[in-house]
Amino acid sequence: MPPTSSLRALQVKVPRRITGRRFASHGPPQFNEPSGLLFGEKPPAPGQKRVKEEWENIWYVGMFGSMAMAAVLLYYKPDTSIQTWALREAKERMEARGEKYKYEPSS
């Protein structure tokens, strides 16, 4: 084993300025730290209303309008299930043969 003094001479000196940086994590966090306030907003003074930002009404109309449109479209969506098609096809074939497709008990 070589003496420790020669090992120290082989070590590379790294400047102090480089070792203090965080290259892999890209620095401090890039998000807002928790403040304890709802949505990070300070509550308005008593007797005053909260002032909406200009994009909020557009967001409400777009979000709830698209939900209402989706509900209407889903309500009026055509029935394309295989069971409905098979029942309709069976009824047509039985009527073509002259058979009744609805069961009627004999009395």
PDB file of N, CA and C in Angstrom:
ATOM      1  N   MET A   1       0.842  -1.177   0.000  1.00  0.00           N
ATOM      2  CA  MET A   1       0.000   0.000   0.000  1.00  0.00           C
ATOM      3  C   MET A   1       0.889   1.243   0.000  1.00  0.00           C
ATOM      4  N   PRO A   2       0.593   2.187  -0.932  1.00  0.00           N
ATOM      5  CA  PRO A   2       1.419   3.390  -0.986  1.00  0.00           C
ATOM      6  C   PRO A   2       1.161   4.281   0.223  1.00  0.00           C
ATOM      7  N   PRO A   3       2.088   5.105   0.550  1.00  0.00           N
ATOM      8  CA  PRO A   3       1.885   6.013   1.692  1.00  0.00           C
ATOM      9  C   PRO A   3       0.757   7.001   1.406  1.00  0.00           C
ATOM     10  N   THR A   4       0.123   7.464   2.477  1.00  0.00           N
ATOM     11  CA  THR A   4      -1.038   8.346   2.340  1.00  0.00           C
ATOM     12  C   THR A   4      -0.684   9.688   1.738  1.00  0.00           C
ATOM     13  N   SER A   5       0.518  10.144   1.915  1.00  0.00           N
ATOM     14  CA  SER A   5       0.881  11.445   1.356  1.00  0.00           C
ATOM     15  C   SER A   5       0.870  11.412  -0.168  1.00  0.00           C
ATOM     16  N   SER A   6       1.258  10.279  -0.780  1.00  0.00           N
ATOM     17  CA  SER A   6       1.227  10.200  -2.237  1.00  0.00           C
ATOM     18  C   SER A   6      -0.209  10.072  -2.755  1.00  0.00           C
ATOM     19  N   LEU A   7      -1.097   9.443  -1.970  1.00  0.00           N
ATOM     20  CA  LEU A   7      -2.513   9.346  -2.378  1.00  0.00           C
ATOM     21  C   LEU A   7      -3.174  10.718  -2.353  1.00  0.00           C
ATOM     22  N   ARG A   8      -2.804  11.508  -1.380  1.00  0.00           N
ATOM     23  CA  ARG A   8      -3.375  12.856  -1.305  1.00  0.00           C
ATOM     24  C   ARG A   8      -2.920  13.708  -2.481  1.00  0.00           C
ATOM     25  N   ALA A   9      -1.753  13.475  -2.949  1.00  0.00           N
ATOM     26  CA  ALA A   9      -1.241  14.246  -4.079  1.00  0.00           C
ATOM     27  C   ALA A   9      -1.978  13.887  -5.365  1.00  0.00           C
ATOM     28  N   LEU A  10      -2.482  12.658  -5.460  1.00  0.00           N
ATOM     29  CA  LEU A  10      -3.196  12.230  -6.660  1.00  0.00           C
ATOM     30  C   LEU A  10      -4.653  12.707  -6.696  1.00  0.00           C
ATOM     31  N   GLN A  11      -5.192  13.060  -5.536  1.00  0.00           N
ATOM     32  CA  GLN A  11      -6.587  13.497  -5.492  1.00  0.00           C
ATOM     33  C   GLN A  11      -6.755  14.809  -6.240  1.00  0.00           C
ATOM     34  N   VAL A  12      -7.879  14.915  -6.937  1.00  0.00           N
ATOM     35  CA  VAL A  12      -8.172  16.129  -7.695  1.00  0.00           C
ATOM     36  C   VAL A  12      -8.869  17.111  -6.770  1.00  0.00           C
ATOM     37  N   LYS A  13      -8.391  18.316  -6.785  1.00  0.00           N
ATOM     38  CA  LYS A  13      -9.015  19.361  -5.981  1.00  0.00           C
ATOM     39  C   LYS A  13     -10.193  19.949  -6.760  1.00  0.00           C
ATOM     40  N   VAL A  14     -11.362  19.942  -6.153  1.00  0.00           N
ATOM     41  CA  VAL A  14     -12.559  20.488  -6.775  1.00  0.00           C
ATOM     42  C   VAL A  14     -12.824  21.848  -6.135  1.00  0.00           C
ATOM     43  N   PRO A  15     -13.023  22.876  -6.941  1.00  0.00           N
ATOM     44  CA  PRO A  15     -13.286  24.194  -6.362  1.00  0.00           C
ATOM     45  C   PRO A  15     -14.545  24.184  -5.503  1.00  0.00           C
ATOM     46  N   ARG A  16     -14.535  24.982  -4.456  1.00  0.00           N
ATOM     47  CA  ARG A  16     -15.643  25.027  -3.510  1.00  0.00           C
ATOM     48  C   ARG A  16     -16.933  25.526  -4.175  1.00  0.00           C
ATOM     49  N   ARG A  17     -16.788  26.374  -5.138  1.00  0.00           N
ATOM     50  CA  ARG A  17     -17.950  26.973  -5.807  1.00  0.00           C
ATOM     51  C   ARG A  17     -18.745  25.925  -6.569  1.00  0.00           C
ATOM     52  N   ILE A  18     -18.126  24.921  -7.163  1.00  0.00           N
ATOM     53  CA  ILE A  18     -18.825  23.897  -7.939  1.00  0.00           C
ATOM     54  C   ILE A  18     -19.514  22.894  -7.022  1.00  0.00           C
ATOM     55  N   THR A  19     -18.891  22.552  -5.916  1.00  0.00           N
ATOM     56  CA  THR A  19     -19.480  21.542  -5.039  1.00  0.00           C
ATOM     57  C   THR A  19     -20.752  22.040  -4.374  1.00  0.00           C
ATOM     58  N   GLY A  20     -20.954  23.334  -4.261  1.00  0.00           N
ATOM     59  CA  GLY A  20     -22.142  23.866  -3.609  1.00  0.00           C
ATOM     60  C   GLY A  20     -23.365  23.872  -4.504  1.00  0.00           C
ATOM     61  N   ARG A  21     -23.196  23.705  -5.796  1.00  0.00           N
ATOM     62  CA  ARG A  21     -24.333  23.741  -6.718  1.00  0.00           C
ATOM     63  C   ARG A  21     -25.035  22.394  -6.767  1.00  0.00           C
ATOM     64  N   ARG A  22     -26.320  22.434  -7.139  1.00  0.00           N
ATOM     65  CA  ARG A  22     -27.101  21.208  -7.266  1.00  0.00           C
ATOM     66  C   ARG A  22     -27.447  21.043  -8.738  1.00  0.00           C
ATOM     67  N   PHE A  23     -26.615  20.297  -9.458  1.00  0.00           N
ATOM     68  CA  PHE A  23     -26.809  20.167 -10.900  1.00  0.00           C
ATOM     69  C   PHE A  23     -27.960  19.227 -11.247  1.00  0.00           C
ATOM     70  N   ALA A  24     -28.123  18.134 -10.536  1.00  0.00           N
ATOM     71  CA  ALA A  24     -29.140  17.139 -10.889  1.00  0.00           C
ATOM     72  C   ALA A  24     -30.544  17.594 -10.528  1.00  0.00           C
ATOM     73  N   SER A  25     -30.691  18.359  -9.474  1.00  0.00           N
ATOM     74  CA  SER A  25     -32.027  18.738  -9.038  1.00  0.00           C
ATOM     75  C   SER A  25     -32.461  20.089  -9.564  1.00  0.00           C
ATOM     76  N   HIS A  26     -31.610  20.783 -10.274  1.00  0.00           N
ATOM     77  CA  HIS A  26     -31.936  22.058 -10.928  1.00  0.00           C
ATOM     78  C   HIS A  26     -32.354  23.143  -9.959  1.00  0.00           C
ATOM     79  N   GLY A  27     -31.790  23.169  -8.798  1.00  0.00           N
ATOM     80  CA  GLY A  27     -31.984  24.292  -7.894  1.00  0.00           C
ATOM     81  C   GLY A  27     -33.164  24.145  -6.961  1.00  0.00           C
ATOM     82  N   PRO A  28     -33.629  25.272  -6.409  1.00  0.00           N
ATOM     83  CA  PRO A  28     -34.711  25.227  -5.420  1.00  0.00           C
ATOM     84  C   PRO A  28     -36.034  24.836  -6.073  1.00  0.00           C
ATOM     85  N   PRO A  29     -37.029  24.474  -5.262  1.00  0.00           N
ATOM     86  CA  PRO A  29     -38.320  24.056  -5.834  1.00  0.00           C
ATOM     87  C   PRO A  29     -38.964  25.159  -6.664  1.00  0.00           C
ATOM     88  N   GLN A  30     -39.639  24.761  -7.737  1.00  0.00           N
ATOM     89  CA  GLN A  30     -40.246  25.718  -8.664  1.00  0.00           C
ATOM     90  C   GLN A  30     -41.752  25.866  -8.441  1.00  0.00           C
ATOM     91  N   PHE A  31     -42.230  25.557  -7.266  1.00  0.00           N
ATOM     92  CA  PHE A  31     -43.657  25.678  -6.994  1.00  0.00           C
ATOM     93  C   PHE A  31     -43.867  26.625  -5.825  1.00  0.00           C
ATOM     94  N   ASN A  32     -45.094  27.060  -5.642  1.00  0.00           N
ATOM     95  CA  ASN A  32     -45.410  27.973  -4.543  1.00  0.00           C
ATOM     96  C   ASN A  32     -45.460  27.177  -3.250  1.00  0.00           C
ATOM     97  N   GLU A  33     -44.750  27.640  -2.285  1.00  0.00           N
ATOM     98  CA  GLU A  33     -44.747  26.979  -0.984  1.00  0.00           C
ATOM     99  C   GLU A  33     -46.118  27.148  -0.331  1.00  0.00           C
ATOM    100  N   PRO A  34     -46.570  26.178   0.469  1.00  0.00           N
ATOM    101  CA  PRO A  34     -47.870  26.294   1.130  1.00  0.00           C
ATOM    102  C   PRO A  34     -47.926  27.507   2.055  1.00  0.00           C
ATOM    103  N   SER A  35     -49.020  28.261   1.966  1.00  0.00           N
ATOM    104  CA  SER A  35     -49.161  29.456   2.797  1.00  0.00           C
ATOM    105  C   SER A  35     -50.251  29.289   3.846  1.00  0.00           C
ATOM    106  N   GLY A  36     -51.068  28.242   3.723  1.00  0.00           N
ATOM    107  CA  GLY A  36     -52.162  28.046   4.659  1.00  0.00           C
ATOM    108  C   GLY A  36     -53.432  28.754   4.236  1.00  0.00           C
ATOM    109  N   LEU A  37     -53.389  29.495   3.132  1.00  0.00           N
ATOM    110  CA  LEU A  37     -54.574  30.205   2.649  1.00  0.00           C
ATOM    111  C   LEU A  37     -55.227  29.404   1.531  1.00  0.00           C
ATOM    112  N   LEU A  38     -56.546  29.466   1.429  1.00  0.00           N
ATOM    113  CA  LEU A  38     -57.270  28.753   0.391  1.00  0.00           C
ATOM    114  C   LEU A  38     -56.891  29.295  -0.977  1.00  0.00           C
ATOM    115  N   PHE A  39     -56.369  28.451  -1.841  1.00  0.00           N
ATOM    116  CA  PHE A  39     -55.906  28.792  -3.185  1.00  0.00           C
ATOM    117  C   PHE A  39     -54.811  29.861  -3.165  1.00  0.00           C
ATOM    118  N   GLY A  40     -54.169  30.052  -2.022  1.00  0.00           N
ATOM    119  CA  GLY A  40     -53.087  31.034  -1.927  1.00  0.00           C
ATOM    120  C   GLY A  40     -53.557  32.474  -1.949  1.00  0.00           C
ATOM    121  N   GLU A  41     -54.857  32.715  -1.755  1.00  0.00           N
ATOM    122  CA  GLU A  41     -55.400  34.076  -1.785  1.00  0.00           C
ATOM    123  C   GLU A  41     -55.713  34.538  -0.370  1.00  0.00           C
ATOM    124  N   LYS A  42     -55.417  35.788  -0.109  1.00  0.00           N
ATOM    125  CA  LYS A  42     -55.794  36.357   1.179  1.00  0.00           C
ATOM    126  C   LYS A  42     -57.288  36.654   1.151  1.00  0.00           C
ATOM    127  N   PRO A  43     -57.999  36.385   2.239  1.00  0.00           N
ATOM    128  CA  PRO A  43     -59.436  36.685   2.248  1.00  0.00           C
ATOM    129  C   PRO A  43     -59.666  38.192   2.196  1.00  0.00           C
ATOM    130  N   PRO A  44     -60.757  38.618   1.525  1.00  0.00           N
ATOM    131  CA  PRO A  44     -61.033  40.062   1.441  1.00  0.00           C
ATOM    132  C   PRO A  44     -61.407  40.620   2.810  1.00  0.00           C
ATOM    133  N   ALA A  45     -61.277  41.905   2.919  1.00  0.00           N
ATOM    134  CA  ALA A  45     -61.637  42.584   4.171  1.00  0.00           C
ATOM    135  C   ALA A  45     -63.137  42.434   4.421  1.00  0.00           C
ATOM    136  N   PRO A  46     -63.576  42.483   5.654  1.00  0.00           N
ATOM    137  CA  PRO A  46     -65.009  42.356   5.942  1.00  0.00           C
ATOM    138  C   PRO A  46     -65.826  43.407   5.204  1.00  0.00           C
ATOM    139  N   GLY A  47     -66.917  42.965   4.588  1.00  0.00           N
ATOM    140  CA  GLY A  47     -67.792  43.862   3.843  1.00  0.00           C
ATOM    141  C   GLY A  47     -67.416  44.007   2.385  1.00  0.00           C
ATOM    142  N   GLN A  48     -66.327  43.386   1.949  1.00  0.00           N
ATOM    143  CA  GLN A  48     -65.917  43.464   0.547  1.00  0.00           C
ATOM    144  C   GLN A  48     -66.074  42.102  -0.107  1.00  0.00           C
ATOM    145  N   LYS A  49     -66.363  42.132  -1.416  1.00  0.00           N
ATOM    146  CA  LYS A  49     -66.490  40.890  -2.181  1.00  0.00           C
ATOM    147  C   LYS A  49     -65.169  40.556  -2.850  1.00  0.00           C
ATOM    148  N   ARG A  50     -64.996  39.291  -3.127  1.00  0.00           N
ATOM    149  CA  ARG A  50     -63.809  38.851  -3.844  1.00  0.00           C
ATOM    150  C   ARG A  50     -63.931  39.260  -5.300  1.00  0.00           C
ATOM    151  N   VAL A  51     -62.880  39.806  -5.874  1.00  0.00           N
ATOM    152  CA  VAL A  51     -62.886  40.233  -7.268  1.00  0.00           C
ATOM    153  C   VAL A  51     -62.415  39.062  -8.122  1.00  0.00           C
ATOM    154  N   LYS A  52     -63.266  38.673  -9.097  1.00  0.00           N
ATOM    155  CA  LYS A  52     -62.903  37.569  -9.984  1.00  0.00           C
ATOM    156  C   LYS A  52     -61.874  38.033 -11.002  1.00  0.00           C
ATOM    157  N   GLU A  53     -61.040  37.087 -11.411  1.00  0.00           N
ATOM    158  CA  GLU A  53     -60.119  37.386 -12.497  1.00  0.00           C
ATOM    159  C   GLU A  53     -60.869  37.219 -13.809  1.00  0.00           C
ATOM    160  N   GLU A  54     -60.330  37.789 -14.891  1.00  0.00           N
ATOM    161  CA  GLU A  54     -61.077  37.827 -16.148  1.00  0.00           C
ATOM    162  C   GLU A  54     -61.255  36.450 -16.791  1.00  0.00           C
ATOM    163  N   TRP A  55     -60.403  35.486 -16.488  1.00  0.00           N
ATOM    164  CA  TRP A  55     -60.505  34.173 -17.115  1.00  0.00           C
ATOM    165  C   TRP A  55     -61.490  33.257 -16.404  1.00  0.00           C
ATOM    166  N   GLU A  56     -61.927  33.608 -15.189  1.00  0.00           N
ATOM    167  CA  GLU A  56     -62.756  32.694 -14.405  1.00  0.00           C
ATOM    168  C   GLU A  56     -64.127  32.458 -15.032  1.00  0.00           C
ATOM    169  N   ASN A  57     -64.803  33.513 -15.514  1.00  0.00           N
ATOM    170  CA  ASN A  57     -66.123  33.324 -16.123  1.00  0.00           C
ATOM    171  C   ASN A  57     -66.032  32.501 -17.393  1.00  0.00           C
ATOM    172  N   ILE A  58     -64.989  32.699 -18.174  1.00  0.00           N
ATOM    173  CA  ILE A  58     -64.802  31.897 -19.390  1.00  0.00           C
ATOM    174  C   ILE A  58     -64.607  30.443 -19.026  1.00  0.00           C
ATOM    175  N   TRP A  59     -63.860  30.180 -17.966  1.00  0.00           N
ATOM    176  CA  TRP A  59     -63.631  28.802 -17.535  1.00  0.00           C
ATOM    177  C   TRP A  59     -64.936  28.153 -17.082  1.00  0.00           C
ATOM    178  N   TYR A  60     -65.743  28.877 -16.298  1.00  0.00           N
ATOM    179  CA  TYR A  60     -67.018  28.320 -15.834  1.00  0.00           C
ATOM    180  C   TYR A  60     -67.932  27.985 -17.008  1.00  0.00           C
ATOM    181  N   VAL A  61     -68.058  28.901 -17.963  1.00  0.00           N
ATOM    182  CA  VAL A  61     -68.929  28.672 -19.122  1.00  0.00           C
ATOM    183  C   VAL A  61     -68.416  27.485 -19.933  1.00  0.00           C
ATOM    184  N   GLY A  62     -67.118  27.439 -20.159  1.00  0.00           N
ATOM    185  CA  GLY A  62     -66.551  26.343 -20.943  1.00  0.00           C
ATOM    186  C   GLY A  62     -66.678  25.004 -20.253  1.00  0.00           C
ATOM    187  N   MET A  63     -66.393  24.949 -18.959  1.00  0.00           N
ATOM    188  CA  MET A  63     -66.425  23.687 -18.225  1.00  0.00           C
ATOM    189  C   MET A  63     -67.847  23.155 -18.085  1.00  0.00           C
ATOM    190  N   PHE A  64     -68.736  23.964 -17.559  1.00  0.00           N
ATOM    191  CA  PHE A  64     -70.090  23.484 -17.320  1.00  0.00           C
ATOM    192  C   PHE A  64     -70.905  23.411 -18.612  1.00  0.00           C
ATOM    193  N   GLY A  65     -70.596  24.253 -19.584  1.00  0.00           N
ATOM    194  CA  GLY A  65     -71.262  24.145 -20.884  1.00  0.00           C
ATOM    195  C   GLY A  65     -70.899  22.856 -21.596  1.00  0.00           C
ATOM    196  N   SER A  66     -69.623  22.474 -21.527  1.00  0.00           N
ATOM    197  CA  SER A  66     -69.225  21.210 -22.161  1.00  0.00           C
ATOM    198  C   SER A  66     -69.806  20.008 -21.418  1.00  0.00           C
ATOM    199  N   MET A  67     -69.952  20.110 -20.098  1.00  0.00           N
ATOM    200  CA  MET A  67     -70.593  19.019 -19.344  1.00  0.00           C
ATOM    201  C   MET A  67     -72.064  18.878 -19.747  1.00  0.00           C
ATOM    202  N   ALA A  68     -72.761  19.995 -19.884  1.00  0.00           N
ATOM    203  CA  ALA A  68     -74.168  19.943 -20.281  1.00  0.00           C
ATOM    204  C   ALA A  68     -74.314  19.392 -21.704  1.00  0.00           C
ATOM    205  N   MET A  69     -73.427  19.826 -22.601  1.00  0.00           N
ATOM    206  CA  MET A  69     -73.485  19.317 -23.973  1.00  0.00           C
ATOM    207  C   MET A  69     -73.193  17.821 -24.016  1.00  0.00           C
ATOM    208  N   ALA A  70     -72.231  17.367 -23.226  1.00  0.00           N
ATOM    209  CA  ALA A  70     -71.923  15.937 -23.176  1.00  0.00           C
ATOM    210  C   ALA A  70     -73.110  15.148 -22.629  1.00  0.00           C
ATOM    211  N   ALA A  71     -73.809  15.688 -21.637  1.00  0.00           N
ATOM    212  CA  ALA A  71     -74.975  14.993 -21.081  1.00  0.00           C
ATOM    213  C   ALA A  71     -76.078  14.876 -22.122  1.00  0.00           C
ATOM    214  N   VAL A  72     -76.326  15.936 -22.874  1.00  0.00           N
ATOM    215  CA  VAL A  72     -77.361  15.893 -23.917  1.00  0.00           C
ATOM    216  C   VAL A  72     -76.982  14.909 -25.016  1.00  0.00           C
ATOM    217  N   LEU A  73     -75.726  14.945 -25.444  1.00  0.00           N
ATOM    218  CA  LEU A  73     -75.287  14.028 -26.498  1.00  0.00           C
ATOM    219  C   LEU A  73     -75.333  12.576 -26.046  1.00  0.00           C
ATOM    220  N   LEU A  74     -74.986  12.312 -24.798  1.00  0.00           N
ATOM    221  CA  LEU A  74     -75.070  10.939 -24.304  1.00  0.00           C
ATOM    222  C   LEU A  74     -76.515  10.479 -24.162  1.00  0.00           C
ATOM    223  N   TYR A  75     -77.415  11.404 -23.805  1.00  0.00           N
ATOM    224  CA  TYR A  75     -78.832  11.029 -23.672  1.00  0.00           C
ATOM    225  C   TYR A  75     -79.424  10.638 -25.027  1.00  0.00           C
ATOM    226  N   TYR A  76     -79.063  11.370 -26.084  1.00  0.00           N
ATOM    227  CA  TYR A  76     -79.621  11.109 -27.401  1.00  0.00           C
ATOM    228  C   TYR A  76     -78.733  10.219 -28.266  1.00  0.00           C
ATOM    229  N   LYS A  77     -77.738   9.585 -27.688  1.00  0.00           N
ATOM    230  CA  LYS A  77     -76.842   8.703 -28.430  1.00  0.00           C
ATOM    231  C   LYS A  77     -77.626   7.504 -28.962  1.00  0.00           C
ATOM    232  N   PRO A  78     -77.429   7.126 -30.221  1.00  0.00           N
ATOM    233  CA  PRO A  78     -78.160   5.981 -30.753  1.00  0.00           C
ATOM    234  C   PRO A  78     -77.722   4.682 -30.078  1.00  0.00           C
ATOM    235  N   ASP A  79     -78.681   3.769 -29.960  1.00  0.00           N
ATOM    236  CA  ASP A  79     -78.398   2.477 -29.335  1.00  0.00           C
ATOM    237  C   ASP A  79     -77.752   1.568 -30.375  1.00  0.00           C
ATOM    238  N   THR A  80     -76.490   1.260 -30.198  1.00  0.00           N
ATOM    239  CA  THR A  80     -75.765   0.441 -31.164  1.00  0.00           C
ATOM    240  C   THR A  80     -75.299  -0.876 -30.546  1.00  0.00           C
ATOM    241  N   SER A  81     -75.980  -1.329 -29.490  1.00  0.00           N
ATOM    242  CA  SER A  81     -75.550  -2.569 -28.849  1.00  0.00           C
ATOM    243  C   SER A  81     -75.931  -3.774 -29.705  1.00  0.00           C
ATOM    244  N   ILE A  82     -75.199  -4.838 -29.557  1.00  0.00           N
ATOM    245  CA  ILE A  82     -75.443  -6.058 -30.327  1.00  0.00           C
ATOM    246  C   ILE A  82     -76.775  -6.704 -29.924  1.00  0.00           C
ATOM    247  N   GLN A  83     -77.176  -6.567 -28.656  1.00  0.00           N
ATOM    248  CA  GLN A  83     -78.436  -7.156 -28.200  1.00  0.00           C
ATOM    249  C   GLN A  83     -79.628  -6.496 -28.892  1.00  0.00           C
ATOM    250  N   THR A  84     -79.598  -5.175 -29.022  1.00  0.00           N
ATOM    251  CA  THR A  84     -80.697  -4.469 -29.687  1.00  0.00           C
ATOM    252  C   THR A  84     -80.778  -4.864 -31.158  1.00  0.00           C
ATOM    253  N   TRP A  85     -79.619  -4.946 -31.810  1.00  0.00           N
ATOM    254  CA  TRP A  85     -79.612  -5.336 -33.215  1.00  0.00           C
ATOM    255  C   TRP A  85     -80.131  -6.759 -33.375  1.00  0.00           C
ATOM    256  N   ALA A  86     -79.716  -7.675 -32.510  1.00  0.00           N
ATOM    257  CA  ALA A  86     -80.142  -9.078 -32.620  1.00  0.00           C
ATOM    258  C   ALA A  86     -81.639  -9.217 -32.370  1.00  0.00           C
ATOM    259  N   LEU A  87     -82.189  -8.491 -31.405  1.00  0.00           N
ATOM    260  CA  LEU A  87     -83.627  -8.550 -31.136  1.00  0.00           C
ATOM    261  C   LEU A  87     -84.425  -8.031 -32.327  1.00  0.00           C
ATOM    262  N   ARG A  88     -83.992  -6.916 -32.889  1.00  0.00           N
ATOM    263  CA  ARG A  88     -84.687  -6.351 -34.054  1.00  0.00           C
ATOM    264  C   ARG A  88     -84.601  -7.310 -35.251  1.00  0.00           C
ATOM    265  N   GLU A  89     -83.437  -7.899 -35.461  1.00  0.00           N
ATOM    266  CA  GLU A  89     -83.261  -8.845 -36.571  1.00  0.00           C
ATOM    267  C   GLU A  89     -84.126 -10.094 -36.376  1.00  0.00           C
ATOM    268  N   ALA A  90     -84.200 -10.600 -35.137  1.00  0.00           N
ATOM    269  CA  ALA A  90     -85.015 -11.790 -34.852  1.00  0.00           C
ATOM    270  C   ALA A  90     -86.493 -11.493 -35.073  1.00  0.00           C
ATOM    271  N   LYS A  91     -86.937 -10.307 -34.660  1.00  0.00           N
ATOM    272  CA  LYS A  91     -88.344  -9.942 -34.876  1.00  0.00           C
ATOM    273  C   LYS A  91     -88.665  -9.871 -36.360  1.00  0.00           C
ATOM    274  N   GLU A  92     -87.773  -9.259 -37.143  1.00  0.00           N
ATOM    275  CA  GLU A  92     -88.005  -9.146 -38.587  1.00  0.00           C
ATOM    276  C   GLU A  92     -88.066 -10.528 -39.242  1.00  0.00           C
ATOM    277  N   ARG A  93     -87.173 -11.423 -38.852  1.00  0.00           N
ATOM    278  CA  ARG A  93     -87.164 -12.766 -39.457  1.00  0.00           C
ATOM    279  C   ARG A  93     -88.393 -13.573 -39.060  1.00  0.00           C
ATOM    280  N   MET A  94     -88.816 -13.436 -37.789  1.00  0.00           N
ATOM    281  CA  MET A  94     -90.009 -14.182 -37.349  1.00  0.00           C
ATOM    282  C   MET A  94     -91.263 -13.639 -38.031  1.00  0.00           C
ATOM    283  N   GLU A  95     -91.348 -12.318 -38.217  1.00  0.00           N
ATOM    284  CA  GLU A  95     -92.499 -11.759 -38.926  1.00  0.00           C
ATOM    285  C   GLU A  95     -92.502 -12.197 -40.384  1.00  0.00           C
ATOM    286  N   ALA A  96     -91.318 -12.292 -40.988  1.00  0.00           N
ATOM    287  CA  ALA A  96     -91.229 -12.730 -42.382  1.00  0.00           C
ATOM    288  C   ALA A  96     -91.695 -14.184 -42.526  1.00  0.00           C
ATOM    289  N   ARG A  97     -91.483 -15.020 -41.516  1.00  0.00           N
ATOM    290  CA  ARG A  97     -91.927 -16.413 -41.552  1.00  0.00           C
ATOM    291  C   ARG A  97     -93.375 -16.550 -41.106  1.00  0.00           C
ATOM    292  N   GLY A  98     -93.968 -15.494 -40.597  1.00  0.00           N
ATOM    293  CA  GLY A  98     -95.356 -15.539 -40.151  1.00  0.00           C
ATOM    294  C   GLY A  98     -95.505 -15.987 -38.712  1.00  0.00           C
ATOM    295  N   GLU A  99     -94.459 -15.987 -37.947  1.00  0.00           N
ATOM    296  CA  GLU A  99     -94.526 -16.394 -36.539  1.00  0.00           C
ATOM    297  C   GLU A  99     -94.697 -15.154 -35.662  1.00  0.00           C
ATOM    298  N   LYS A 100     -95.241 -15.409 -34.470  1.00  0.00           N
ATOM    299  CA  LYS A 100     -95.384 -14.326 -33.511  1.00  0.00           C
ATOM    300  C   LYS A 100     -94.095 -14.258 -32.682  1.00  0.00           C
ATOM    301  N   TYR A 101     -93.588 -13.070 -32.507  1.00  0.00           N
ATOM    302  CA  TYR A 101     -92.359 -12.937 -31.742  1.00  0.00           C
ATOM    303  C   TYR A 101     -92.635 -12.683 -30.252  1.00  0.00           C
ATOM    304  N   LYS A 102     -93.896 -12.431 -29.915  1.00  0.00           N
ATOM    305  CA  LYS A 102     -94.228 -12.192 -28.510  1.00  0.00           C
ATOM    306  C   LYS A 102     -95.002 -13.411 -28.006  1.00  0.00           C
ATOM    307  N   TYR A 103     -94.615 -13.895 -26.844  1.00  0.00           N
ATOM    308  CA  TYR A 103     -95.252 -15.075 -26.278  1.00  0.00           C
ATOM    309  C   TYR A 103     -96.630 -14.712 -25.769  1.00  0.00           C
ATOM    310  N   GLU A 104     -97.622 -15.498 -26.186  1.00  0.00           N
ATOM    311  CA  GLU A 104     -99.002 -15.354 -25.706  1.00  0.00           C
ATOM    312  C   GLU A 104     -99.439 -16.724 -25.210  1.00  0.00           C
ATOM    313  N   PRO A 105     -99.709 -16.866 -23.928  1.00  0.00           N
ATOM    314  CA  PRO A 105    -100.115 -18.167 -23.398  1.00  0.00           C
ATOM    315  C   PRO A 105    -101.492 -18.570 -23.961  1.00  0.00           C
ATOM    316  N   SER A 106    -101.614 -19.869 -24.235  1.00  0.00           N
ATOM    317  CA  SER A 106    -102.912 -20.370 -24.750  1.00  0.00           C
ATOM    318  C   SER A 106    -103.852 -20.573 -23.558  1.00  0.00           C
ATOM    319  N   SER A 107    -105.104 -20.203 -23.754  1.00  0.00           N
ATOM    320  CA  SER A 107    -106.052 -20.371 -22.641  1.00  0.00           C
ATOM    321  C   SER A 107    -107.082 -21.415 -22.950  1.00  0.00           C
TER     322      SER A 107
END
